[in-house]
Amino acid sequence: MDWTREGDLTRLHKVFNDPLKSRHERRLAHDTFNKILRQLKDKKLTELRRRLIRANIADDDAAVERITEEIHEYSRRAGYR
């Protein structure tokens, strides 16, 4: 699993299992949770995110910008946005 999304998934899981939240809030959280899971199963997107993390750690601003654009373009084509 892409560890950068683990916190998001945990938070969303709490929301869609909270009976005190409205049905609308729980449904949105559940849909978002499933959307993130779908993205995590996408090997190309996961690899792009790993490259972005490594470039950010290396403080390579040009690579960060380029990879960010790749992620946005790929996400748009794959229907994640």
N, C-alpha and C. Protein backbone atom coordinates (compact mmCIF):
# COMPACT_ATOMS: atom_id res chain seq x y z
N MET A 1 0.84 -1.18 0.00
CA MET A 1 0.00 0.00 0.00
C MET A 1 0.88 1.23 0.00
N ASP A 2 0.43 2.24 -0.68
CA ASP A 2 1.11 3.53 -0.71
C ASP A 2 0.92 4.18 0.67
N TRP A 3 1.97 4.21 1.47
CA TRP A 3 1.87 4.66 2.86
C TRP A 3 1.42 6.11 2.98
N THR A 4 1.55 6.89 1.92
CA THR A 4 1.15 8.30 2.01
C THR A 4 -0.36 8.45 2.08
N ARG A 5 -1.10 7.43 1.68
CA ARG A 5 -2.56 7.51 1.70
C ARG A 5 -3.18 6.80 2.90
N GLU A 6 -2.36 6.16 3.70
CA GLU A 6 -2.87 5.39 4.83
C GLU A 6 -3.68 6.25 5.80
N GLY A 7 -3.20 7.44 6.09
CA GLY A 7 -3.93 8.34 6.99
C GLY A 7 -5.27 8.76 6.42
N ASP A 8 -5.30 9.03 5.11
CA ASP A 8 -6.56 9.38 4.45
C ASP A 8 -7.57 8.25 4.56
N LEU A 9 -7.10 7.03 4.28
CA LEU A 9 -8.00 5.88 4.34
C LEU A 9 -8.52 5.64 5.75
N THR A 10 -7.67 5.80 6.73
CA THR A 10 -8.09 5.61 8.13
C THR A 10 -9.16 6.63 8.51
N ARG A 11 -8.92 7.88 8.17
CA ARG A 11 -9.88 8.94 8.50
C ARG A 11 -11.22 8.71 7.80
N LEU A 12 -11.18 8.36 6.52
CA LEU A 12 -12.41 8.10 5.77
C LEU A 12 -13.15 6.89 6.31
N HIS A 13 -12.41 5.87 6.70
CA HIS A 13 -13.04 4.66 7.27
C HIS A 13 -13.82 5.01 8.53
N LYS A 14 -13.25 5.87 9.36
CA LYS A 14 -13.94 6.29 10.59
C LYS A 14 -15.22 7.04 10.26
N VAL A 15 -15.18 7.88 9.24
CA VAL A 15 -16.36 8.67 8.88
C VAL A 15 -17.47 7.78 8.34
N PHE A 16 -17.16 6.88 7.41
CA PHE A 16 -18.26 6.10 6.84
C PHE A 16 -18.75 4.98 7.75
N ASN A 17 -18.08 4.76 8.88
CA ASN A 17 -18.58 3.82 9.87
C ASN A 17 -19.17 4.51 11.09
N ASP A 18 -19.26 5.84 11.06
CA ASP A 18 -19.80 6.62 12.18
C ASP A 18 -21.31 6.79 12.00
N PRO A 19 -22.11 6.14 12.87
CA PRO A 19 -23.57 6.25 12.71
C PRO A 19 -24.11 7.65 13.03
N LEU A 20 -23.29 8.50 13.65
CA LEU A 20 -23.74 9.85 13.96
C LEU A 20 -23.63 10.80 12.77
N LYS A 21 -22.91 10.38 11.74
CA LYS A 21 -22.78 11.21 10.53
C LYS A 21 -24.01 10.99 9.66
N SER A 22 -24.32 11.99 8.84
CA SER A 22 -25.46 11.86 7.94
C SER A 22 -25.17 10.82 6.86
N ARG A 23 -26.23 10.31 6.27
CA ARG A 23 -26.06 9.31 5.22
C ARG A 23 -25.26 9.89 4.06
N HIS A 24 -25.47 11.15 3.76
CA HIS A 24 -24.74 11.82 2.68
C HIS A 24 -23.23 11.87 2.98
N GLU A 25 -22.86 12.27 4.19
CA GLU A 25 -21.45 12.32 4.57
C GLU A 25 -20.80 10.94 4.51
N ARG A 26 -21.52 9.93 5.01
CA ARG A 26 -20.98 8.57 5.00
C ARG A 26 -20.81 8.06 3.57
N ARG A 27 -21.76 8.38 2.71
CA ARG A 27 -21.67 7.94 1.31
C ARG A 27 -20.50 8.61 0.61
N LEU A 28 -20.33 9.92 0.82
CA LEU A 28 -19.19 10.63 0.21
C LEU A 28 -17.87 10.04 0.70
N ALA A 29 -17.78 9.77 1.99
CA ALA A 29 -16.55 9.19 2.54
C ALA A 29 -16.30 7.81 1.96
N HIS A 30 -17.35 7.02 1.82
CA HIS A 30 -17.21 5.68 1.26
C HIS A 30 -16.78 5.74 -0.21
N ASP A 31 -17.39 6.63 -0.97
CA ASP A 31 -17.01 6.78 -2.38
C ASP A 31 -15.56 7.23 -2.53
N THR A 32 -15.15 8.17 -1.69
CA THR A 32 -13.77 8.65 -1.73
C THR A 32 -12.80 7.55 -1.32
N PHE A 33 -13.17 6.77 -0.31
CA PHE A 33 -12.36 5.64 0.14
C PHE A 33 -12.14 4.67 -1.02
N ASN A 34 -13.21 4.32 -1.72
CA ASN A 34 -13.11 3.39 -2.85
C ASN A 34 -12.30 3.98 -4.00
N LYS A 35 -12.42 5.28 -4.21
CA LYS A 35 -11.65 5.94 -5.26
C LYS A 35 -10.14 5.86 -4.95
N ILE A 36 -9.78 6.08 -3.70
CA ILE A 36 -8.37 5.98 -3.31
C ILE A 36 -7.87 4.54 -3.46
N LEU A 37 -8.70 3.57 -3.07
CA LEU A 37 -8.30 2.16 -3.24
C LEU A 37 -8.06 1.84 -4.71
N ARG A 38 -8.91 2.36 -5.58
CA ARG A 38 -8.75 2.14 -7.01
C ARG A 38 -7.43 2.74 -7.50
N GLN A 39 -7.10 3.91 -6.98
CA GLN A 39 -5.84 4.55 -7.36
C GLN A 39 -4.64 3.75 -6.85
N LEU A 40 -4.75 3.19 -5.65
CA LEU A 40 -3.65 2.42 -5.07
C LEU A 40 -3.37 1.16 -5.87
N LYS A 41 -4.38 0.62 -6.52
CA LYS A 41 -4.19 -0.58 -7.34
C LYS A 41 -3.59 -0.26 -8.70
N ASP A 42 -3.54 1.01 -9.05
CA ASP A 42 -2.98 1.45 -10.33
C ASP A 42 -1.46 1.52 -10.20
N LYS A 43 -0.78 0.57 -10.81
CA LYS A 43 0.67 0.48 -10.66
C LYS A 43 1.39 1.69 -11.23
N LYS A 44 0.94 2.22 -12.35
CA LYS A 44 1.60 3.38 -12.96
C LYS A 44 1.48 4.60 -12.04
N LEU A 45 0.29 4.85 -11.53
CA LEU A 45 0.09 5.99 -10.63
C LEU A 45 0.91 5.84 -9.35
N THR A 46 0.94 4.63 -8.81
CA THR A 46 1.72 4.37 -7.60
C THR A 46 3.20 4.63 -7.84
N GLU A 47 3.70 4.20 -8.99
CA GLU A 47 5.11 4.44 -9.32
C GLU A 47 5.39 5.93 -9.50
N LEU A 48 4.48 6.66 -10.13
CA LEU A 48 4.66 8.11 -10.29
C LEU A 48 4.71 8.79 -8.92
N ARG A 49 3.84 8.37 -8.01
CA ARG A 49 3.84 8.95 -6.66
C ARG A 49 5.14 8.64 -5.93
N ARG A 50 5.66 7.42 -6.09
CA ARG A 50 6.94 7.08 -5.46
C ARG A 50 8.07 7.92 -6.02
N ARG A 51 8.08 8.12 -7.34
CA ARG A 51 9.09 8.96 -7.97
C ARG A 51 9.00 10.39 -7.44
N LEU A 52 7.77 10.89 -7.26
CA LEU A 52 7.57 12.24 -6.74
C LEU A 52 8.12 12.36 -5.32
N ILE A 53 7.88 11.37 -4.50
CA ILE A 53 8.39 11.38 -3.13
C ILE A 53 9.92 11.39 -3.13
N ARG A 54 10.52 10.52 -3.97
CA ARG A 54 11.98 10.47 -4.03
C ARG A 54 12.56 11.79 -4.55
N ALA A 55 11.93 12.39 -5.54
CA ALA A 55 12.41 13.67 -6.08
C ALA A 55 12.29 14.77 -5.03
N ASN A 56 11.22 14.72 -4.26
CA ASN A 56 11.02 15.72 -3.22
C ASN A 56 12.07 15.57 -2.13
N ILE A 57 12.37 14.34 -1.74
CA ILE A 57 13.41 14.09 -0.74
C ILE A 57 14.77 14.56 -1.24
N ALA A 58 15.02 14.34 -2.54
CA ALA A 58 16.29 14.75 -3.14
C ALA A 58 16.35 16.26 -3.40
N ASP A 59 15.24 16.95 -3.14
CA ASP A 59 15.16 18.39 -3.32
C ASP A 59 15.40 18.79 -4.78
N ASP A 60 14.90 17.97 -5.71
CA ASP A 60 15.04 18.21 -7.14
C ASP A 60 13.75 18.88 -7.63
N ASP A 61 13.73 20.21 -7.60
CA ASP A 61 12.52 20.96 -7.93
C ASP A 61 12.06 20.74 -9.37
N ALA A 62 12.98 20.62 -10.30
CA ALA A 62 12.60 20.40 -11.70
C ALA A 62 11.90 19.06 -11.87
N ALA A 63 12.43 18.03 -11.23
CA ALA A 63 11.82 16.70 -11.32
C ALA A 63 10.47 16.69 -10.62
N VAL A 64 10.36 17.37 -9.49
CA VAL A 64 9.08 17.44 -8.77
C VAL A 64 8.02 18.06 -9.67
N GLU A 65 8.36 19.15 -10.32
CA GLU A 65 7.41 19.84 -11.21
C GLU A 65 7.01 18.93 -12.37
N ARG A 66 7.98 18.28 -12.98
CA ARG A 66 7.70 17.41 -14.13
C ARG A 66 6.83 16.22 -13.73
N ILE A 67 7.16 15.57 -12.61
CA ILE A 67 6.41 14.40 -12.17
C ILE A 67 5.00 14.80 -11.72
N THR A 68 4.88 15.96 -11.10
CA THR A 68 3.56 16.45 -10.70
C THR A 68 2.67 16.63 -11.92
N GLU A 69 3.22 17.19 -12.98
CA GLU A 69 2.45 17.35 -14.22
C GLU A 69 2.08 15.99 -14.81
N GLU A 70 3.00 15.03 -14.76
CA GLU A 70 2.70 13.68 -15.25
C GLU A 70 1.55 13.06 -14.46
N ILE A 71 1.57 13.25 -13.15
CA ILE A 71 0.52 12.69 -12.30
C ILE A 71 -0.82 13.33 -12.64
N HIS A 72 -0.84 14.64 -12.80
CA HIS A 72 -2.09 15.33 -13.13
C HIS A 72 -2.64 14.86 -14.48
N GLU A 73 -1.76 14.76 -15.46
CA GLU A 73 -2.18 14.33 -16.78
C GLU A 73 -2.67 12.88 -16.76
N TYR A 74 -1.93 12.00 -16.11
CA TYR A 74 -2.32 10.60 -16.04
C TYR A 74 -3.64 10.45 -15.27
N SER A 75 -3.79 11.17 -14.18
CA SER A 75 -5.01 11.11 -13.39
C SER A 75 -6.21 11.58 -14.19
N ARG A 76 -6.02 12.62 -14.97
CA ARG A 76 -7.11 13.13 -15.81
C ARG A 76 -7.51 12.08 -16.85
N ARG A 77 -6.51 11.48 -17.53
CA ARG A 77 -6.80 10.48 -18.55
C ARG A 77 -7.44 9.22 -17.96
N ALA A 78 -7.03 8.86 -16.74
CA ALA A 78 -7.54 7.65 -16.11
C ALA A 78 -8.90 7.87 -15.44
N GLY A 79 -9.34 9.12 -15.38
CA GLY A 79 -10.65 9.43 -14.80
C GLY A 79 -10.67 9.55 -13.30
N TYR A 80 -9.53 9.81 -12.70
CA TYR A 80 -9.47 9.95 -11.25
C TYR A 80 -9.88 11.33 -10.76
N ARG A 81 -9.93 12.29 -11.61
CA ARG A 81 -10.28 13.66 -11.20
C ARG A 81 -11.67 14.00 -11.61
